[in-house]
């Protein structure tokens, strides 16, 4: 099973990019040993000429187009469930065992996701009530995917 983070906006050599790359590399290493074939990041830029609802709609289209048919969709949204690391790991394990080809995690632009994208989500999740910079959310999500892989492989990184 593949894991993918699809995000609006590009990091362009920022410090967060190094952190994301490090956690994704670690996640791939652990994941390949336990049935996860890849962990990848795809970034998209929506046309700058758009704004408001038209921009959110286009961003949603870009994100959805990145996920293959049959992928389980996780939409990061402020109204989503604040799930634990253990629950995320269990969800990924169940999806892998049920034969899902991919789990796609969508991080929207500054104005969030439009309703049609949220409605297509298999899971709406959040990182709590605080507002986080979108570039930092990528690093946080990459770390949580790495943490999930360590939980599933029995590695002591996650100490709960």
C-alpha atoms as a PDB file:
ATOM      1  CA  UNK A   1       0.000   0.000   0.000  1.00  0.00           C
ATOM      2  CA  UNK A   2       1.259   3.455  -0.903  1.00  0.00           C
ATOM      3  CA  UNK A   3       0.961   6.554   1.268  1.00  0.00           C
ATOM      4  CA  UNK A   4       0.851   9.996  -0.273  1.00  0.00           C
ATOM      5  CA  UNK A   5       0.683  13.531   1.019  1.00  0.00           C
ATOM      6  CA  UNK A   6      -0.866  15.843  -1.590  1.00  0.00           C
ATOM      7  CA  UNK A   7      -0.569  19.516  -0.685  1.00  0.00           C
ATOM      8  CA  UNK A   8      -1.347  22.913  -2.128  1.00  0.00           C
ATOM      9  CA  UNK A   9       1.721  25.154  -2.358  1.00  0.00           C
ATOM     10  CA  UNK A  10       5.372  24.303  -2.837  1.00  0.00           C
ATOM     11  CA  UNK A  11       8.058  24.369  -0.164  1.00  0.00           C
ATOM     12  CA  UNK A  12      10.874  25.457  -2.514  1.00  0.00           C
ATOM     13  CA  UNK A  13      13.933  24.580  -0.472  1.00  0.00           C
ATOM     14  CA  UNK A  14      12.653  25.736   2.884  1.00  0.00           C
ATOM     15  CA  UNK A  15      13.778  24.231   6.173  1.00  0.00           C
ATOM     16  CA  UNK A  16      10.435  22.434   6.424  1.00  0.00           C
ATOM     17  CA  UNK A  17      11.226  20.605   3.169  1.00  0.00           C
ATOM     18  CA  UNK A  18      14.328  19.052   4.717  1.00  0.00           C
ATOM     19  CA  UNK A  19      12.323  17.917   7.731  1.00  0.00           C
ATOM     20  CA  UNK A  20       9.527  16.470   5.565  1.00  0.00           C
ATOM     21  CA  UNK A  21      12.018  14.635   3.365  1.00  0.00           C
ATOM     22  CA  UNK A  22      13.762  13.163   6.416  1.00  0.00           C
ATOM     23  CA  UNK A  23      10.538  11.820   7.940  1.00  0.00           C
ATOM     24  CA  UNK A  24       9.270  10.482   4.612  1.00  0.00           C
ATOM     25  CA  UNK A  25      12.570   8.658   4.039  1.00  0.00           C
ATOM     26  CA  UNK A  26      12.350   7.151   7.523  1.00  0.00           C
ATOM     27  CA  UNK A  27       8.709   6.169   6.982  1.00  0.00           C
ATOM     28  CA  UNK A  28       9.608   4.464   3.687  1.00  0.00           C
ATOM     29  CA  UNK A  29      12.349   2.458   5.373  1.00  0.00           C
ATOM     30  CA  UNK A  30      10.072   1.094   8.078  1.00  0.00           C
ATOM     31  CA  UNK A  31       7.027   0.894   5.832  1.00  0.00           C
ATOM     32  CA  UNK A  32       8.639  -1.347   3.207  1.00  0.00           C
ATOM     33  CA  UNK A  33       9.278  -3.956   5.884  1.00  0.00           C
ATOM     34  CA  UNK A  34       5.609  -4.075   6.887  1.00  0.00           C
ATOM     35  CA  UNK A  35       3.705  -3.866   3.610  1.00  0.00           C
ATOM     36  CA  UNK A  36       3.785  -0.170   2.702  1.00  0.00           C
ATOM     37  CA  UNK A  37       5.531   0.268  -0.631  1.00  0.00           C
ATOM     38  CA  UNK A  38       6.117   4.020  -0.694  1.00  0.00           C
ATOM     39  CA  UNK A  39       5.495   7.300   1.085  1.00  0.00           C
ATOM     40  CA  UNK A  40       5.502  10.304  -1.235  1.00  0.00           C
ATOM     41  CA  UNK A  41       4.784  14.027  -1.338  1.00  0.00           C
ATOM     42  CA  UNK A  42       3.076  15.736  -4.270  1.00  0.00           C
ATOM     43  CA  UNK A  43       2.738  19.518  -4.313  1.00  0.00           C
ATOM     44  CA  UNK A  44       0.458  21.637  -6.469  1.00  0.00           C
ATOM     45  CA  UNK A  45       0.031  25.309  -7.276  1.00  0.00           C
ATOM     46  CA  UNK A  46      -3.440  26.604  -8.103  1.00  0.00           C
ATOM     47  CA  UNK A  47      -3.700  29.453 -10.624  1.00  0.00           C
ATOM     48  CA  UNK A  48      -2.961  32.782  -8.931  1.00  0.00           C
ATOM     49  CA  UNK A  49      -5.736  34.436 -10.926  1.00  0.00           C
ATOM     50  CA  UNK A  50      -8.343  32.542  -8.891  1.00  0.00           C
ATOM     51  CA  UNK A  51      -9.649  33.505  -5.463  1.00  0.00           C
ATOM     52  CA  UNK A  52     -12.433  32.631  -3.041  1.00  0.00           C
ATOM     53  CA  UNK A  53     -14.662  29.662  -3.859  1.00  0.00           C
ATOM     54  CA  UNK A  54     -13.184  29.255  -7.359  1.00  0.00           C
ATOM     55  CA  UNK A  55      -9.699  28.855  -5.868  1.00  0.00           C
ATOM     56  CA  UNK A  56     -10.836  26.313  -3.263  1.00  0.00           C
ATOM     57  CA  UNK A  57     -12.677  24.367  -5.978  1.00  0.00           C
ATOM     58  CA  UNK A  58      -9.584  24.256  -8.218  1.00  0.00           C
ATOM     59  CA  UNK A  59      -7.340  23.228  -5.322  1.00  0.00           C
ATOM     60  CA  UNK A  60      -9.740  20.380  -4.530  1.00  0.00           C
ATOM     61  CA  UNK A  61      -9.672  19.242  -8.151  1.00  0.00           C
ATOM     62  CA  UNK A  62      -5.864  19.196  -8.149  1.00  0.00           C
ATOM     63  CA  UNK A  63      -5.732  17.169  -4.943  1.00  0.00           C
ATOM     64  CA  UNK A  64      -8.382  14.658  -6.031  1.00  0.00           C
ATOM     65  CA  UNK A  65      -6.669  14.128  -9.381  1.00  0.00           C
ATOM     66  CA  UNK A  66      -3.506  13.052  -7.537  1.00  0.00           C
ATOM     67  CA  UNK A  67      -5.201  10.098  -5.822  1.00  0.00           C
ATOM     68  CA  UNK A  68      -5.709   6.888  -7.803  1.00  0.00           C
ATOM     69  CA  UNK A  69      -9.036   5.080  -7.923  1.00  0.00           C
ATOM     70  CA  UNK A  70      -9.641   3.134  -4.738  1.00  0.00           C
ATOM     71  CA  UNK A  71      -7.422   5.331  -2.584  1.00  0.00           C
ATOM     72  CA  UNK A  72      -8.631   6.067   0.934  1.00  0.00           C
ATOM     73  CA  UNK A  73      -8.838   9.818   1.389  1.00  0.00           C
ATOM     74  CA  UNK A  74      -7.731  11.627   4.527  1.00  0.00           C
ATOM     75  CA  UNK A  75      -8.553  15.327   4.452  1.00  0.00           C
ATOM     76  CA  UNK A  76      -6.790  17.510   6.996  1.00  0.00           C
ATOM     77  CA  UNK A  77      -9.409  19.977   8.115  1.00  0.00           C
ATOM     78  CA  UNK A  78      -9.908  22.163  11.184  1.00  0.00           C
ATOM     79  CA  UNK A  79     -13.302  20.490  11.744  1.00  0.00           C
ATOM     80  CA  UNK A  80     -11.813  16.994  11.522  1.00  0.00           C
ATOM     81  CA  UNK A  81     -11.286  14.469  14.284  1.00  0.00           C
ATOM     82  CA  UNK A  82      -8.193  14.980  16.416  1.00  0.00           C
ATOM     83  CA  UNK A  83      -6.995  11.373  16.239  1.00  0.00           C
ATOM     84  CA  UNK A  84      -4.196   9.798  18.224  1.00  0.00           C
ATOM     85  CA  UNK A  85      -1.049   8.377  16.680  1.00  0.00           C
ATOM     86  CA  UNK A  86      -2.179   4.900  17.677  1.00  0.00           C
ATOM     87  CA  UNK A  87      -5.532   5.343  15.936  1.00  0.00           C
ATOM     88  CA  UNK A  88      -3.877   6.592  12.748  1.00  0.00           C
ATOM     89  CA  UNK A  89      -1.553   3.585  12.769  1.00  0.00           C
ATOM     90  CA  UNK A  90      -4.512   1.236  13.304  1.00  0.00           C
ATOM     91  CA  UNK A  91      -6.459   2.846  10.438  1.00  0.00           C
ATOM     92  CA  UNK A  92      -3.506   2.454   8.088  1.00  0.00           C
ATOM     93  CA  UNK A  93      -2.974  -1.133   9.193  1.00  0.00           C
ATOM     94  CA  UNK A  94      -6.631  -2.013   8.573  1.00  0.00           C
ATOM     95  CA  UNK A  95      -6.596  -0.345   5.145  1.00  0.00           C
ATOM     96  CA  UNK A  96      -3.416  -2.187   4.201  1.00  0.00           C
ATOM     97  CA  UNK A  97      -4.861  -5.498   5.380  1.00  0.00           C
ATOM     98  CA  UNK A  98      -8.113  -4.841   3.500  1.00  0.00           C
ATOM     99  CA  UNK A  99      -6.154  -4.319   0.274  1.00  0.00           C
ATOM    100  CA  UNK A 100      -6.463  -0.555  -0.220  1.00  0.00           C
ATOM    101  CA  UNK A 101      -3.970   0.485  -2.902  1.00  0.00           C
ATOM    102  CA  UNK A 102      -3.210   3.871  -1.378  1.00  0.00           C
ATOM    103  CA  UNK A 103      -4.032   6.315   1.387  1.00  0.00           C
ATOM    104  CA  UNK A 104      -3.907   9.940   0.257  1.00  0.00           C
ATOM    105  CA  UNK A 105      -3.620  12.786   2.775  1.00  0.00           C
ATOM    106  CA  UNK A 106      -4.817  16.158   1.484  1.00  0.00           C
ATOM    107  CA  UNK A 107      -3.513  19.470   2.827  1.00  0.00           C
ATOM    108  CA  UNK A 108      -5.399  22.412   1.322  1.00  0.00           C
ATOM    109  CA  UNK A 109      -4.455  25.992   0.700  1.00  0.00           C
ATOM    110  CA  UNK A 110      -4.732  28.933   3.072  1.00  0.00           C
ATOM    111  CA  UNK A 111      -8.534  29.038   2.823  1.00  0.00           C
ATOM    112  CA  UNK A 112      -9.020  25.330   3.499  1.00  0.00           C
ATOM    113  CA  UNK A 113     -10.985  22.765   1.510  1.00  0.00           C
ATOM    114  CA  UNK A 114     -14.265  23.196  -0.284  1.00  0.00           C
ATOM    115  CA  UNK A 115     -17.301  21.189   0.826  1.00  0.00           C
ATOM    116  CA  UNK A 116     -17.311  18.713  -2.109  1.00  0.00           C
ATOM    117  CA  UNK A 117     -13.764  17.598  -1.275  1.00  0.00           C
ATOM    118  CA  UNK A 118     -14.554  17.216   2.428  1.00  0.00           C
ATOM    119  CA  UNK A 119     -17.617  15.150   1.532  1.00  0.00           C
ATOM    120  CA  UNK A 120     -15.461  12.704  -0.473  1.00  0.00           C
ATOM    121  CA  UNK A 121     -13.131  12.104   2.476  1.00  0.00           C
ATOM    122  CA  UNK A 122     -13.020   8.713   4.127  1.00  0.00           C
ATOM    123  CA  UNK A 123     -11.576  10.485   7.164  1.00  0.00           C
ATOM    124  CA  UNK A 124     -11.538  14.151   8.186  1.00  0.00           C
ATOM    125  CA  UNK A 125      -8.654  14.656  10.606  1.00  0.00           C
ATOM    126  CA  UNK A 126      -7.046  17.602  12.361  1.00  0.00           C
ATOM    127  CA  UNK A 127      -3.987  18.364  14.434  1.00  0.00           C
ATOM    128  CA  UNK A 128      -6.063  20.035  17.126  1.00  0.00           C
ATOM    129  CA  UNK A 129      -7.738  23.393  17.481  1.00  0.00           C
ATOM    130  CA  UNK A 130      -4.615  25.485  16.956  1.00  0.00           C
ATOM    131  CA  UNK A 131      -3.986  27.001  13.535  1.00  0.00           C
ATOM    132  CA  UNK A 132      -0.755  25.658  12.009  1.00  0.00           C
ATOM    133  CA  UNK A 133       1.240  26.988   9.049  1.00  0.00           C
ATOM    134  CA  UNK A 134       0.514  24.782   6.038  1.00  0.00           C
ATOM    135  CA  UNK A 135       4.191  24.108   5.419  1.00  0.00           C
ATOM    136  CA  UNK A 136       4.659  22.981   9.017  1.00  0.00           C
ATOM    137  CA  UNK A 137       1.593  20.711   8.769  1.00  0.00           C
ATOM    138  CA  UNK A 138       3.443  18.745   6.087  1.00  0.00           C
ATOM    139  CA  UNK A 139       6.274  18.071   8.502  1.00  0.00           C
ATOM    140  CA  UNK A 140       3.844  17.151  11.276  1.00  0.00           C
ATOM    141  CA  UNK A 141       1.972  14.753   8.989  1.00  0.00           C
ATOM    142  CA  UNK A 142       5.185  13.205   7.669  1.00  0.00           C
ATOM    143  CA  UNK A 143       6.288  12.614  11.266  1.00  0.00           C
ATOM    144  CA  UNK A 144       2.927  11.011  12.107  1.00  0.00           C
ATOM    145  CA  UNK A 145       3.248   8.666   9.123  1.00  0.00           C
ATOM    146  CA  UNK A 146       6.750   7.745  10.282  1.00  0.00           C
ATOM    147  CA  UNK A 147       5.416   7.257  13.811  1.00  0.00           C
ATOM    148  CA  UNK A 148       2.637   5.022  12.441  1.00  0.00           C
ATOM    149  CA  UNK A 149       5.205   2.850  10.680  1.00  0.00           C
ATOM    150  CA  UNK A 150       7.233   2.512  13.876  1.00  0.00           C
ATOM    151  CA  UNK A 151       4.121   1.642  15.893  1.00  0.00           C
ATOM    152  CA  UNK A 152       3.142  -1.054  13.394  1.00  0.00           C
ATOM    153  CA  UNK A 153       6.654  -2.495  13.275  1.00  0.00           C
ATOM    154  CA  UNK A 154       7.020  -2.589  17.073  1.00  0.00           C
ATOM    155  CA  UNK A 155       9.893  -0.082  17.153  1.00  0.00           C
ATOM    156  CA  UNK A 156      10.308   1.826  20.450  1.00  0.00           C
ATOM    157  CA  UNK A 157      10.224   5.323  18.823  1.00  0.00           C
ATOM    158  CA  UNK A 158       6.625   5.728  19.976  1.00  0.00           C
ATOM    159  CA  UNK A 159       6.604   5.528  23.759  1.00  0.00           C
ATOM    160  CA  UNK A 160       3.061   5.056  24.953  1.00  0.00           C
END
